[in-house]
Amino acid sequence: MDFTSVNTAEWVGYIATAVLLTSFAMKQLRTLRIVNSVACLLFVGYGVLLTNAWPIIISNAAIFVINIYYLFLKKNQ
């Protein structure tokens, strides 16, 4: 693979994938959700850079909202 020909959208996609995979190596659920949320935001950006790839945007935005719910709203229960 010639990395000099990789465009910005592809780089965002590769970084998002690396962050997502890293999130599943976390032992603590809270850390997993935080790192996974970063990956979700990167994937939303990736979907936008791909000229609105809606399945990528919608699925990752939904996962992000679920992570935020469990990180901040559900934590006191």
N, C-alpha and C. Protein backbone atom coordinates (compact mmCIF):
# COMPACT_ATOMS: atom_id res chain seq x y z
N MET A 1 0.83 -1.18 0.00
CA MET A 1 0.00 0.00 0.00
C MET A 1 0.88 1.24 0.00
N ASP A 2 0.58 2.16 -0.88
CA ASP A 2 1.32 3.41 -0.98
C ASP A 2 0.61 4.46 -0.13
N PHE A 3 1.16 4.76 1.05
CA PHE A 3 0.51 5.68 1.97
C PHE A 3 0.50 7.12 1.48
N THR A 4 1.31 7.44 0.49
CA THR A 4 1.30 8.80 -0.03
C THR A 4 0.05 9.07 -0.86
N SER A 5 -0.62 8.02 -1.31
CA SER A 5 -1.83 8.21 -2.12
C SER A 5 -3.11 8.12 -1.29
N VAL A 6 -2.99 7.92 0.01
CA VAL A 6 -4.16 7.82 0.88
C VAL A 6 -4.69 9.21 1.17
N ASN A 7 -5.98 9.42 0.93
CA ASN A 7 -6.56 10.74 1.15
C ASN A 7 -6.99 10.93 2.60
N THR A 8 -7.44 12.12 2.94
CA THR A 8 -7.82 12.46 4.31
C THR A 8 -8.91 11.56 4.84
N ALA A 9 -9.94 11.30 4.06
CA ALA A 9 -11.04 10.45 4.50
C ALA A 9 -10.52 9.07 4.88
N GLU A 10 -9.64 8.52 4.07
CA GLU A 10 -9.10 7.20 4.37
C GLU A 10 -8.30 7.21 5.67
N TRP A 11 -7.50 8.26 5.88
CA TRP A 11 -6.73 8.36 7.12
C TRP A 11 -7.64 8.41 8.32
N VAL A 12 -8.71 9.20 8.23
CA VAL A 12 -9.67 9.27 9.34
C VAL A 12 -10.27 7.89 9.58
N GLY A 13 -10.60 7.17 8.52
CA GLY A 13 -11.15 5.83 8.64
C GLY A 13 -10.18 4.86 9.30
N TYR A 14 -8.91 4.92 8.90
CA TYR A 14 -7.90 4.05 9.50
C TYR A 14 -7.68 4.37 10.98
N ILE A 15 -7.64 5.66 11.31
CA ILE A 15 -7.46 6.07 12.70
C ILE A 15 -8.67 5.64 13.53
N ALA A 16 -9.87 5.84 12.99
CA ALA A 16 -11.08 5.43 13.69
C ALA A 16 -11.08 3.92 13.95
N THR A 17 -10.65 3.17 12.97
CA THR A 17 -10.58 1.71 13.14
C THR A 17 -9.58 1.33 14.22
N ALA A 18 -8.43 1.97 14.23
CA ALA A 18 -7.41 1.68 15.25
C ALA A 18 -7.92 2.02 16.64
N VAL A 19 -8.60 3.16 16.78
CA VAL A 19 -9.15 3.55 18.08
C VAL A 19 -10.24 2.58 18.51
N LEU A 20 -11.10 2.18 17.57
CA LEU A 20 -12.16 1.22 17.88
C LEU A 20 -11.57 -0.09 18.37
N LEU A 21 -10.59 -0.62 17.65
CA LEU A 21 -9.97 -1.87 18.07
C LEU A 21 -9.29 -1.73 19.43
N THR A 22 -8.67 -0.60 19.68
CA THR A 22 -8.03 -0.34 20.96
C THR A 22 -9.06 -0.34 22.09
N SER A 23 -10.25 0.20 21.82
CA SER A 23 -11.27 0.28 22.87
C SER A 23 -11.64 -1.11 23.40
N PHE A 24 -11.60 -2.11 22.55
CA PHE A 24 -11.98 -3.45 22.99
C PHE A 24 -10.89 -4.15 23.77
N ALA A 25 -9.72 -3.54 23.86
CA ALA A 25 -8.65 -4.08 24.69
C ALA A 25 -8.71 -3.54 26.12
N MET A 26 -9.61 -2.62 26.37
CA MET A 26 -9.72 -2.02 27.69
C MET A 26 -10.35 -3.00 28.68
N LYS A 27 -9.81 -3.03 29.89
CA LYS A 27 -10.36 -3.92 30.91
C LYS A 27 -11.54 -3.30 31.65
N GLN A 28 -11.51 -2.00 31.83
CA GLN A 28 -12.59 -1.34 32.55
C GLN A 28 -13.63 -0.84 31.56
N LEU A 29 -14.89 -1.08 31.89
CA LEU A 29 -15.99 -0.72 31.00
C LEU A 29 -16.04 0.79 30.75
N ARG A 30 -15.80 1.57 31.78
CA ARG A 30 -15.84 3.04 31.61
C ARG A 30 -14.78 3.49 30.59
N THR A 31 -13.58 2.97 30.71
CA THR A 31 -12.51 3.31 29.76
C THR A 31 -12.87 2.85 28.36
N LEU A 32 -13.44 1.65 28.25
CA LEU A 32 -13.87 1.16 26.95
C LEU A 32 -14.87 2.11 26.31
N ARG A 33 -15.84 2.56 27.09
CA ARG A 33 -16.87 3.47 26.55
C ARG A 33 -16.28 4.82 26.13
N ILE A 34 -15.32 5.32 26.88
CA ILE A 34 -14.70 6.60 26.54
C ILE A 34 -13.92 6.47 25.23
N VAL A 35 -13.08 5.46 25.13
CA VAL A 35 -12.27 5.27 23.93
C VAL A 35 -13.18 4.95 22.74
N ASN A 36 -14.20 4.13 22.97
CA ASN A 36 -15.14 3.80 21.90
C ASN A 36 -15.90 5.04 21.43
N SER A 37 -16.21 5.95 22.34
CA SER A 37 -16.88 7.20 21.96
C SER A 37 -16.01 8.04 21.03
N VAL A 38 -14.72 8.07 21.32
CA VAL A 38 -13.79 8.79 20.43
C VAL A 38 -13.81 8.16 19.05
N ALA A 39 -13.78 6.82 19.01
CA ALA A 39 -13.84 6.12 17.72
C ALA A 39 -15.14 6.43 16.99
N CYS A 40 -16.25 6.47 17.72
CA CYS A 40 -17.54 6.79 17.09
C CYS A 40 -17.52 8.17 16.45
N LEU A 41 -16.96 9.14 17.17
CA LEU A 41 -16.89 10.49 16.61
C LEU A 41 -16.00 10.54 15.38
N LEU A 42 -14.91 9.80 15.41
CA LEU A 42 -14.05 9.72 14.23
C LEU A 42 -14.79 9.07 13.06
N PHE A 43 -15.57 8.03 13.34
CA PHE A 43 -16.32 7.38 12.27
C PHE A 43 -17.43 8.28 11.73
N VAL A 44 -18.04 9.10 12.57
CA VAL A 44 -19.01 10.08 12.08
C VAL A 44 -18.32 11.05 11.13
N GLY A 45 -17.14 11.54 11.54
CA GLY A 45 -16.37 12.41 10.66
C GLY A 45 -15.99 11.73 9.36
N TYR A 46 -15.63 10.46 9.44
CA TYR A 46 -15.31 9.67 8.26
C TYR A 46 -16.51 9.58 7.33
N GLY A 47 -17.68 9.32 7.90
CA GLY A 47 -18.90 9.24 7.10
C GLY A 47 -19.21 10.55 6.41
N VAL A 48 -18.97 11.65 7.09
CA VAL A 48 -19.20 12.97 6.50
C VAL A 48 -18.20 13.21 5.36
N LEU A 49 -16.93 12.85 5.60
CA LEU A 49 -15.92 13.03 4.56
C LEU A 49 -16.19 12.17 3.33
N LEU A 50 -16.90 11.09 3.51
CA LEU A 50 -17.26 10.24 2.37
C LEU A 50 -18.49 10.77 1.65
N THR A 51 -18.78 12.04 1.84
CA THR A 51 -19.95 12.70 1.27
C THR A 51 -21.23 12.08 1.81
N ASN A 52 -21.34 12.15 3.12
CA ASN A 52 -22.54 11.72 3.83
C ASN A 52 -22.88 10.25 3.64
N ALA A 53 -22.03 9.40 4.14
CA ALA A 53 -22.29 7.96 4.16
C ALA A 53 -23.20 7.68 5.36
N TRP A 54 -24.48 7.80 5.14
CA TRP A 54 -25.47 7.78 6.23
C TRP A 54 -25.44 6.55 7.12
N PRO A 55 -25.27 5.34 6.59
CA PRO A 55 -25.21 4.19 7.51
C PRO A 55 -24.07 4.30 8.53
N ILE A 56 -22.93 4.80 8.09
CA ILE A 56 -21.79 4.99 9.00
C ILE A 56 -22.10 6.08 10.01
N ILE A 57 -22.65 7.18 9.55
CA ILE A 57 -22.95 8.31 10.43
C ILE A 57 -24.01 7.93 11.46
N ILE A 58 -25.11 7.34 11.01
CA ILE A 58 -26.23 7.02 11.91
C ILE A 58 -25.83 5.98 12.94
N SER A 59 -25.20 4.90 12.51
CA SER A 59 -24.84 3.83 13.46
C SER A 59 -23.86 4.31 14.52
N ASN A 60 -22.86 5.08 14.10
CA ASN A 60 -21.86 5.54 15.07
C ASN A 60 -22.38 6.67 15.95
N ALA A 61 -23.25 7.50 15.43
CA ALA A 61 -23.87 8.53 16.27
C ALA A 61 -24.75 7.87 17.33
N ALA A 62 -25.47 6.81 16.95
CA ALA A 62 -26.32 6.10 17.91
C ALA A 62 -25.48 5.43 19.00
N ILE A 63 -24.38 4.79 18.61
CA ILE A 63 -23.50 4.16 19.61
C ILE A 63 -22.90 5.22 20.53
N PHE A 64 -22.54 6.37 19.98
CA PHE A 64 -22.00 7.47 20.78
C PHE A 64 -23.02 7.91 21.83
N VAL A 65 -24.26 8.08 21.42
CA VAL A 65 -25.32 8.50 22.36
C VAL A 65 -25.50 7.45 23.45
N ILE A 66 -25.48 6.18 23.10
CA ILE A 66 -25.60 5.11 24.09
C ILE A 66 -24.43 5.15 25.07
N ASN A 67 -23.22 5.34 24.56
CA ASN A 67 -22.06 5.45 25.45
C ASN A 67 -22.19 6.62 26.40
N ILE A 68 -22.60 7.77 25.90
CA ILE A 68 -22.77 8.95 26.75
C ILE A 68 -23.83 8.71 27.81
N TYR A 69 -24.92 8.07 27.42
CA TYR A 69 -25.99 7.74 28.38
C TYR A 69 -25.42 6.93 29.54
N TYR A 70 -24.68 5.86 29.23
CA TYR A 70 -24.15 5.02 30.29
C TYR A 70 -23.00 5.67 31.06
N LEU A 71 -22.25 6.54 30.41
CA LEU A 71 -21.14 7.21 31.09
C LEU A 71 -21.61 8.29 32.06
N PHE A 72 -22.63 9.04 31.68
CA PHE A 72 -22.99 10.21 32.48
C PHE A 72 -24.38 10.15 33.11
N LEU A 73 -25.35 9.65 32.43
CA LEU A 73 -26.71 9.66 32.96
C LEU A 73 -27.02 8.44 33.82
N LYS A 74 -26.51 7.32 33.47
CA LYS A 74 -26.81 6.07 34.16
C LYS A 74 -25.83 5.79 35.29
N LYS A 75 -24.73 6.53 35.36
CA LYS A 75 -23.69 6.21 36.33
C LYS A 75 -24.11 6.38 37.78
N ASN A 76 -25.08 7.23 38.04
CA ASN A 76 -25.51 7.47 39.42
C ASN A 76 -26.60 6.53 39.89
N GLN A 77 -27.02 5.62 39.04
CA GLN A 77 -28.10 4.70 39.43
C GLN A 77 -27.57 3.37 39.87
